[in-house]
Amino acid sequence: MSLLRIEDPAAPRVRGSLQDHPFLALGFRPFYLLGAAFAGVAVPAWTAAALGWIASPRLNLLWHMHEMLFGFVIAIVIGFLYTAGRNWTGLWTPRGRHLAALAGLWLAGRAAMVALPPPLAAAVDLAFLPLATLPLYRVIRRAGNTRNLIMVVLLAILALANAAFHASVSGLLAVSPMQPLYAAIVAIIVIESVLGGRVIPNFTANAVRGVRTTSHPRLEKASLVLTAATGLAWAVLPLSVPLGLLALATAAAQALRMAGWKPLCTLRQPLLWVLHLSFAWIPVGFGVLALACFGVAPHSAAVHLLAVGAMGGLIIGMITRTTLGHTGRMLKAGKAETAMYLLLQAGVLARLAAALGDAGLREWGLVVATVCWSLAFALFCVVYGPYLMRPRVDGREG
């Protein structure tokens, strides 16, 4: 299906002020573009360091995991929630100079993590999430939109996980720095589970004629509780049979849940199947985590299915869809979007092969996964960058 082309109107003149620039009209604009660009650069940098192609002690595994979670993913989450918060409440989330300052702080955190001594890097990095969460909390509270306070709570949990990571790295907290990172992974999966349960079945029912999706409130609650419980156990317990059983229950609940969303009816619509396929990596990832607990699969395979497959896939699916919608364009996927989605999913399979294979296959798998990942997000920046920098084509605010 070809992308419906809509010509942008001539951009209106804006004063020489950040407050008036279209790029700062709503949170998704700077954070989607900056997050995607960072994802496309940071992963090749880590791969090159991991394979010994460049010498950079700072670009180690902890940096890689931290920056993918608290750099890339958090940027996209904040951009999405600022945009959704505007819709939920009717009130403005940060824009203009306020939004520019927050985006600048996020950028400073990324630079600090590679250039500053660890204590200073931690101070800069830790400042972002609380300062980014506060305005979201304020608009939700002012609007009485209590249903969405769960997002503020989850962002607070992520801020605590980030603080625990830095405390562990500095020796102030006697836990492995991997444990807060695992907790962050599942906190983000919970965010995806909450939002996915709201929007994926609705998108499907609205777009596919004659399809009726189903959602069972008890199963919804059970799957979210199990996911959160698994995350807590994963963060504080070693791999063990009890954790494996909990992960297996989470996988089953999530799989049953999404079966009611009728994923097979979306195969002709890339904007839909990318969300269903990416969400499917959540139950698969927890299933592989259970296998890792039983000693029959590598732990890294589960981590990357949840991180690259679920997070990366849902992110590329949502940032394309929401950018089209919030810049006034038709919700139609063309060749560029389909290429992004297929590249991302190919990267998931290559990363899984790297986790399961021997040393030779691991190196090739890492390289292929890196190329696929970076091309997907580079393509987003090239195609969607102009959309994000220009006013809405329909003349509306945002």
Protein backbone atom coordinates (compact mmCIF):
# COMPACT_ATOMS: atom_id res chain seq x y z
CA MET A 1 0.00 0.00 0.00
CA SER A 2 1.52 3.33 -0.98
CA LEU A 3 1.78 6.19 1.47
CA LEU A 4 -0.87 8.82 0.91
CA ARG A 5 1.08 11.97 0.11
CA ILE A 6 -0.18 15.23 1.49
CA GLU A 7 1.77 18.34 0.64
CA ASP A 8 2.71 20.51 3.60
CA PRO A 9 1.33 24.03 3.43
CA ALA A 10 3.81 26.82 3.48
CA ALA A 11 5.05 27.14 7.02
CA PRO A 12 3.82 30.34 8.64
CA ARG A 13 6.36 32.84 9.79
CA VAL A 14 7.32 32.43 13.39
CA ARG A 15 9.04 34.85 15.66
CA GLY A 16 12.63 34.17 16.55
CA SER A 17 11.53 32.44 19.72
CA LEU A 18 11.65 28.87 20.89
CA GLN A 19 8.13 29.34 22.22
CA ASP A 20 6.74 29.56 18.68
CA HIS A 21 8.70 26.90 16.81
CA PRO A 22 6.60 23.97 15.52
CA PHE A 23 9.26 21.52 16.75
CA LEU A 24 8.38 22.52 20.32
CA ALA A 25 4.60 22.58 19.90
CA LEU A 26 4.02 19.27 21.72
CA GLY A 27 6.15 16.70 23.52
CA PHE A 28 6.24 14.00 20.86
CA ARG A 29 8.08 16.24 18.39
CA PRO A 30 11.49 16.72 20.04
CA PHE A 31 11.51 13.53 22.09
CA TYR A 32 10.58 11.21 19.23
CA LEU A 33 13.23 12.67 16.93
CA LEU A 34 15.97 12.90 19.56
CA GLY A 35 15.18 9.45 20.94
CA ALA A 36 15.16 7.80 17.50
CA ALA A 37 18.39 9.52 16.48
CA PHE A 38 20.06 8.46 19.72
CA ALA A 39 18.89 4.86 19.26
CA GLY A 40 20.37 4.80 15.77
CA VAL A 41 23.78 5.99 17.02
CA ALA A 42 24.14 4.47 20.49
CA VAL A 43 23.63 0.83 19.50
CA PRO A 44 26.35 0.83 16.79
CA ALA A 45 28.70 2.56 19.24
CA TRP A 46 28.16 -0.16 21.83
CA THR A 47 28.44 -2.97 19.27
CA ALA A 48 31.74 -1.58 18.00
CA ALA A 49 33.07 -1.41 21.56
CA ALA A 50 31.74 -4.87 22.47
CA LEU A 51 33.42 -6.45 19.44
CA GLY A 52 36.69 -4.65 20.10
CA TRP A 53 36.52 -2.46 17.00
CA ILE A 54 36.95 0.68 19.11
CA ALA A 55 38.56 1.16 22.52
CA SER A 56 36.12 2.90 24.86
CA PRO A 57 35.81 1.63 28.45
CA ARG A 58 32.77 3.84 29.09
CA LEU A 59 30.78 2.12 26.32
CA ASN A 60 30.37 -1.11 28.28
CA LEU A 61 27.36 -3.36 28.84
CA LEU A 62 26.05 -1.33 31.79
CA TRP A 63 26.20 1.87 29.74
CA HIS A 64 24.43 0.13 26.86
CA MET A 65 21.57 -1.19 28.97
CA HIS A 66 21.20 2.01 30.97
CA GLU A 67 21.16 4.26 27.92
CA MET A 68 18.70 2.13 26.02
CA LEU A 69 16.31 2.22 28.97
CA PHE A 70 16.87 5.61 30.60
CA GLY A 71 18.00 7.39 27.44
CA PHE A 72 16.17 6.08 24.39
CA VAL A 73 13.05 4.46 25.86
CA ILE A 74 12.41 7.16 28.45
CA ALA A 75 12.62 9.88 25.78
CA ILE A 76 9.92 8.12 23.75
CA VAL A 77 7.77 7.44 26.81
CA ILE A 78 7.89 11.08 27.93
CA GLY A 79 7.13 12.31 24.42
CA PHE A 80 4.18 9.93 24.18
CA LEU A 81 2.79 10.73 27.63
CA TYR A 82 3.05 14.49 27.12
CA THR A 83 1.07 14.10 23.91
CA ALA A 84 -1.44 11.68 25.41
CA GLY A 85 -1.70 13.86 28.52
CA ARG A 86 -2.82 16.77 26.37
CA ASN A 87 -5.60 14.56 24.96
CA TRP A 88 -6.54 13.04 28.34
CA THR A 89 -6.89 16.36 30.14
CA GLY A 90 -7.38 19.09 27.55
CA LEU A 91 -4.54 20.95 29.29
CA TRP A 92 -1.17 21.81 27.81
CA THR A 93 1.79 19.68 28.77
CA PRO A 94 5.23 21.31 28.38
CA ARG A 95 5.82 23.16 25.12
CA GLY A 96 7.99 25.97 23.87
CA ARG A 97 10.84 26.99 26.14
CA HIS A 98 9.81 24.56 28.90
CA LEU A 99 9.86 21.64 26.46
CA ALA A 100 13.17 22.83 25.01
CA ALA A 101 14.72 22.95 28.49
CA LEU A 102 13.59 19.39 29.24
CA ALA A 103 14.88 18.12 25.90
CA GLY A 104 18.16 19.90 26.58
CA LEU A 105 18.40 18.26 30.00
CA TRP A 106 17.82 14.85 28.41
CA LEU A 107 20.60 15.55 25.90
CA ALA A 108 22.89 16.70 28.71
CA GLY A 109 22.27 13.39 30.46
CA ARG A 110 23.34 11.42 27.39
CA ALA A 111 26.51 13.47 27.04
CA ALA A 112 27.24 13.24 30.75
CA MET A 113 27.08 9.45 30.73
CA VAL A 114 30.01 9.25 28.33
CA ALA A 115 32.01 12.38 29.20
CA LEU A 116 31.70 13.22 32.90
CA PRO A 117 32.98 11.42 36.02
CA PRO A 118 30.35 8.99 37.35
CA PRO A 119 29.11 11.16 40.27
CA LEU A 120 28.55 14.18 38.02
CA ALA A 121 27.04 12.02 35.28
CA ALA A 122 24.63 10.54 37.80
CA ALA A 123 23.56 14.00 39.01
CA VAL A 124 22.76 15.20 35.49
CA ASP A 125 21.07 11.97 34.44
CA LEU A 126 18.97 11.64 37.59
CA ALA A 127 17.54 15.15 37.24
CA PHE A 128 15.58 14.41 34.09
CA LEU A 129 12.87 11.95 35.12
CA PRO A 130 11.58 13.86 38.19
CA LEU A 131 11.55 17.17 36.31
CA ALA A 132 9.84 15.55 33.32
CA THR A 133 7.25 13.73 35.45
CA LEU A 134 6.18 16.73 37.55
CA PRO A 135 4.34 18.66 34.80
CA LEU A 136 2.54 15.49 33.72
CA TYR A 137 1.39 14.95 37.30
CA ARG A 138 0.21 18.55 37.55
CA VAL A 139 -2.02 18.43 34.46
CA ILE A 140 -3.47 15.05 35.43
CA ARG A 141 -4.21 16.30 38.95
CA ARG A 142 -5.72 19.59 37.72
CA ALA A 143 -8.01 17.70 35.36
CA GLY A 144 -9.01 15.12 37.98
CA ASN A 145 -7.88 12.44 35.54
CA THR A 146 -7.12 9.90 38.29
CA ARG A 147 -7.27 6.93 35.93
CA ASN A 148 -3.94 7.96 34.43
CA LEU A 149 -2.09 8.62 37.67
CA ILE A 150 -0.74 5.07 37.26
CA MET A 151 1.58 6.51 34.60
CA VAL A 152 3.02 8.98 37.12
CA VAL A 153 3.52 6.15 39.61
CA LEU A 154 5.34 4.04 37.01
CA LEU A 155 7.57 6.98 36.05
CA ALA A 156 8.38 7.44 39.74
CA ILE A 157 9.33 3.76 39.96
CA LEU A 158 11.60 4.21 36.96
CA ALA A 159 13.23 7.21 38.61
CA LEU A 160 13.89 5.12 41.73
CA ALA A 161 15.31 2.30 39.60
CA ASN A 162 17.64 4.78 37.91
CA ALA A 163 18.76 6.11 41.30
CA ALA A 164 19.38 2.54 42.49
CA PHE A 165 21.45 1.85 39.38
CA HIS A 166 23.72 4.84 39.96
CA ALA A 167 23.98 4.06 43.68
CA SER A 168 24.99 0.50 42.86
CA VAL A 169 27.59 1.57 40.29
CA SER A 170 29.09 4.03 42.80
CA GLY A 171 29.21 1.42 45.57
CA LEU A 172 26.58 3.11 47.75
CA LEU A 173 24.09 0.26 47.34
CA ALA A 174 25.13 -3.35 47.82
CA VAL A 175 23.24 -4.86 44.88
CA SER A 176 24.21 -5.73 41.35
CA PRO A 177 23.56 -2.79 39.00
CA MET A 178 21.77 -5.26 36.74
CA GLN A 179 18.93 -5.66 39.23
CA PRO A 180 17.59 -2.09 38.91
CA LEU A 181 17.89 -2.42 35.14
CA TYR A 182 15.76 -5.57 35.15
CA ALA A 183 13.22 -3.75 37.34
CA ALA A 184 13.19 -0.90 34.82
CA ILE A 185 12.61 -3.30 31.93
CA VAL A 186 9.51 -4.71 33.56
CA ALA A 187 8.26 -1.26 34.68
CA ILE A 188 8.38 -0.24 31.02
CA ILE A 189 6.68 -3.50 30.03
CA VAL A 190 3.90 -2.66 32.52
CA ILE A 191 3.51 0.77 30.88
CA GLU A 192 3.31 -0.94 27.50
CA SER A 193 0.82 -3.46 28.87
CA VAL A 194 -1.45 -0.76 30.25
CA LEU A 195 -1.35 1.42 27.16
CA GLY A 196 -1.37 -1.54 24.77
CA GLY A 197 -4.47 -2.96 26.41
CA ARG A 198 -6.23 0.34 25.87
CA VAL A 199 -5.24 1.20 22.32
CA ILE A 200 -4.36 -1.97 20.37
CA PRO A 201 -7.81 -3.60 20.54
CA ASN A 202 -9.48 -0.24 19.84
CA PHE A 203 -7.24 0.48 16.86
CA THR A 204 -8.00 -3.00 15.54
CA ALA A 205 -11.77 -2.80 15.97
CA ASN A 206 -11.88 0.64 14.36
CA ALA A 207 -9.69 -0.22 11.38
CA VAL A 208 -10.68 -3.78 10.45
CA ARG A 209 -14.25 -4.05 9.25
CA GLY A 210 -16.37 -6.67 11.00
CA VAL A 211 -13.82 -7.48 13.70
CA ARG A 212 -14.92 -7.43 17.33
CA THR A 213 -12.10 -7.55 19.83
CA THR A 214 -12.69 -8.77 23.36
CA SER A 215 -11.26 -7.72 26.69
CA HIS A 216 -11.89 -9.40 30.04
CA PRO A 217 -11.40 -7.10 33.06
CA ARG A 218 -10.26 -9.89 35.38
CA LEU A 219 -7.72 -11.15 32.87
CA GLU A 220 -6.52 -7.58 32.28
CA LYS A 221 -5.92 -7.05 36.00
CA ALA A 222 -4.37 -10.48 36.48
CA SER A 223 -1.92 -10.01 33.63
CA LEU A 224 -0.79 -6.62 34.93
CA VAL A 225 -0.42 -7.88 38.49
CA LEU A 226 1.55 -10.91 37.32
CA THR A 227 3.77 -8.76 35.11
CA ALA A 228 4.54 -6.39 37.98
CA ALA A 229 5.14 -9.28 40.40
CA THR A 230 7.50 -10.95 37.95
CA GLY A 231 9.41 -7.71 37.57
CA LEU A 232 9.80 -7.33 41.32
CA ALA A 233 10.94 -10.93 41.70
CA TRP A 234 13.33 -10.59 38.76
CA ALA A 235 14.89 -7.52 40.34
CA VAL A 236 15.50 -9.06 43.79
CA LEU A 237 15.80 -12.82 43.26
CA PRO A 238 18.30 -14.99 41.37
CA LEU A 239 17.10 -17.10 38.47
CA SER A 240 15.20 -19.93 40.10
CA VAL A 241 12.28 -22.29 39.66
CA PRO A 242 9.83 -20.06 41.62
CA LEU A 243 10.71 -17.08 39.41
CA GLY A 244 10.38 -19.33 36.36
CA LEU A 245 6.90 -20.42 37.37
CA LEU A 246 5.88 -16.80 37.93
CA ALA A 247 7.28 -15.80 34.53
CA LEU A 248 5.45 -18.70 32.91
CA ALA A 249 2.15 -17.59 34.46
CA THR A 250 2.78 -14.05 33.21
CA ALA A 251 3.49 -15.34 29.70
CA ALA A 252 0.25 -17.33 29.68
CA ALA A 253 -1.85 -14.42 30.98
CA GLN A 254 -0.41 -11.98 28.45
CA ALA A 255 -0.90 -14.45 25.58
CA LEU A 256 -4.52 -15.12 26.54
CA ARG A 257 -5.12 -11.42 26.85
CA MET A 258 -3.88 -10.51 23.40
CA ALA A 259 -5.66 -13.44 21.75
CA GLY A 260 -8.89 -11.49 22.23
CA TRP A 261 -7.45 -8.61 20.22
CA LYS A 262 -7.69 -10.65 16.99
CA PRO A 263 -4.09 -10.19 15.80
CA LEU A 264 -4.46 -12.40 12.70
CA CYS A 265 -7.03 -10.00 11.25
CA THR A 266 -4.42 -7.25 10.92
CA LEU A 267 -1.99 -8.86 8.46
CA ARG A 268 -2.90 -6.48 5.64
CA GLN A 269 -2.38 -3.34 7.72
CA PRO A 270 1.22 -2.63 8.77
CA LEU A 271 0.23 0.09 11.27
CA LEU A 272 -1.71 -2.61 13.13
CA TRP A 273 0.32 -5.78 12.69
CA VAL A 274 3.48 -4.11 13.94
CA LEU A 275 1.74 -3.39 17.26
CA HIS A 276 0.33 -6.91 17.59
CA LEU A 277 3.58 -8.60 16.61
CA SER A 278 5.65 -6.42 18.91
CA PHE A 279 3.30 -6.94 21.83
CA ALA A 280 3.52 -10.70 21.22
CA TRP A 281 7.21 -10.54 22.19
CA ILE A 282 6.06 -9.82 25.76
CA PRO A 283 4.57 -13.30 26.41
CA VAL A 284 7.35 -14.89 24.35
CA GLY A 285 9.97 -12.99 26.35
CA PHE A 286 8.52 -14.06 29.68
CA GLY A 287 8.28 -17.61 28.40
CA VAL A 288 11.98 -17.56 27.52
CA LEU A 289 12.72 -16.03 30.93
CA ALA A 290 10.99 -19.04 32.46
CA LEU A 291 13.14 -21.36 30.34
CA ALA A 292 16.23 -19.47 31.53
CA CYS A 293 15.14 -20.04 35.12
CA PHE A 294 14.80 -23.76 34.35
CA GLY A 295 18.29 -23.79 32.82
CA VAL A 296 17.33 -24.49 29.22
CA ALA A 297 17.73 -21.04 27.60
CA PRO A 298 20.19 -18.16 27.98
CA HIS A 299 19.05 -15.31 30.17
CA SER A 300 20.16 -12.72 27.59
CA ALA A 301 17.65 -14.12 25.09
CA ALA A 302 14.76 -13.20 27.38
CA VAL A 303 16.20 -9.74 28.05
CA HIS A 304 16.53 -8.93 24.36
CA LEU A 305 13.13 -10.30 23.39
CA LEU A 306 11.53 -7.98 25.94
CA ALA A 307 13.83 -5.04 25.18
CA VAL A 308 14.46 -5.19 21.43
CA GLY A 309 11.30 -7.06 20.44
CA ALA A 310 8.59 -5.63 22.68
CA MET A 311 10.01 -2.21 23.51
CA GLY A 312 11.70 -1.48 20.19
CA GLY A 313 8.84 -2.86 18.12
CA LEU A 314 6.08 -1.06 20.02
CA ILE A 315 8.09 2.15 19.96
CA ILE A 316 8.63 2.15 16.19
CA GLY A 317 4.96 1.26 15.69
CA MET A 318 3.64 3.95 18.02
CA ILE A 319 5.97 6.80 17.04
CA THR A 320 5.06 6.40 13.38
CA ARG A 321 1.34 6.13 14.10
CA THR A 322 1.14 8.99 16.58
CA THR A 323 3.34 11.25 14.46
CA LEU A 324 1.05 10.75 11.48
CA GLY A 325 -2.04 11.41 13.57
CA HIS A 326 -0.70 14.38 15.52
CA THR A 327 0.72 16.13 12.46
CA GLY A 328 -2.66 15.91 10.71
CA ARG A 329 -1.76 13.15 8.24
CA MET A 330 -3.71 10.08 7.23
CA LEU A 331 -3.07 6.90 9.21
CA LYS A 332 -1.67 5.00 6.25
CA ALA A 333 1.58 3.05 6.15
CA GLY A 334 3.62 3.12 2.98
CA LYS A 335 6.88 1.51 1.90
CA ALA A 336 8.99 3.49 4.36
CA GLU A 337 6.91 2.48 7.36
CA THR A 338 6.76 -1.16 6.30
CA ALA A 339 10.54 -1.16 5.83
CA MET A 340 11.04 0.24 9.35
CA TYR A 341 8.82 -2.43 10.85
CA LEU A 342 10.41 -5.31 8.95
CA LEU A 343 13.93 -4.10 9.74
CA LEU A 344 13.13 -3.90 13.43
CA GLN A 345 11.66 -7.41 13.50
CA ALA A 346 14.60 -8.79 11.52
CA GLY A 347 16.86 -7.23 14.14
CA VAL A 348 14.96 -9.05 16.88
CA LEU A 349 15.53 -12.40 15.18
CA ALA A 350 19.20 -11.63 14.58
CA ARG A 351 19.67 -10.62 18.22
CA LEU A 352 17.96 -13.83 19.32
CA ALA A 353 20.30 -15.84 17.08
CA ALA A 354 23.26 -14.03 18.67
CA ALA A 355 22.03 -14.97 22.14
CA LEU A 356 21.46 -18.62 21.24
CA GLY A 357 24.45 -19.24 18.98
CA ASP A 358 28.15 -19.87 19.45
CA ALA A 359 30.82 -17.15 19.45
CA GLY A 360 30.98 -16.87 15.66
CA LEU A 361 27.21 -16.65 15.26
CA ARG A 362 27.05 -14.21 18.15
CA GLU A 363 29.31 -11.72 16.40
CA TRP A 364 27.45 -11.92 13.11
CA GLY A 365 24.10 -11.79 14.89
CA LEU A 366 25.14 -8.65 16.77
CA VAL A 367 26.28 -6.95 13.59
CA VAL A 368 23.12 -7.83 11.65
CA ALA A 369 20.87 -6.85 14.56
CA THR A 370 22.71 -3.55 14.91
CA VAL A 371 22.44 -2.73 11.21
CA CYS A 372 18.71 -3.56 11.15
CA TRP A 373 18.00 -1.56 14.30
CA SER A 374 19.97 1.49 13.18
CA LEU A 375 18.52 1.49 9.67
CA ALA A 376 14.98 1.36 11.08
CA PHE A 377 15.49 4.41 13.29
CA ALA A 378 17.58 6.26 10.71
CA LEU A 379 14.73 5.80 8.24
CA PHE A 380 12.32 7.21 10.81
CA CYS A 381 14.51 10.28 11.26
CA VAL A 382 14.84 10.87 7.50
CA VAL A 383 11.15 10.39 6.68
CA TYR A 384 9.52 11.73 9.83
CA GLY A 385 12.02 14.42 10.78
CA PRO A 386 10.42 16.95 8.38
CA TYR A 387 6.95 16.08 9.75
CA LEU A 388 8.14 16.77 13.29
CA MET A 389 9.84 20.05 12.37
CA ARG A 390 6.88 21.57 10.49
CA PRO A 391 3.42 22.71 11.59
CA ARG A 392 0.46 20.34 11.36
CA VAL A 393 -0.84 20.06 7.81
CA ASP A 394 -4.40 20.73 9.02
CA GLY A 395 -3.45 24.00 10.73
CA ARG A 396 -4.37 22.86 14.23
CA GLU A 397 -2.20 23.38 17.29
CA GLY A 398 0.19 20.70 18.48
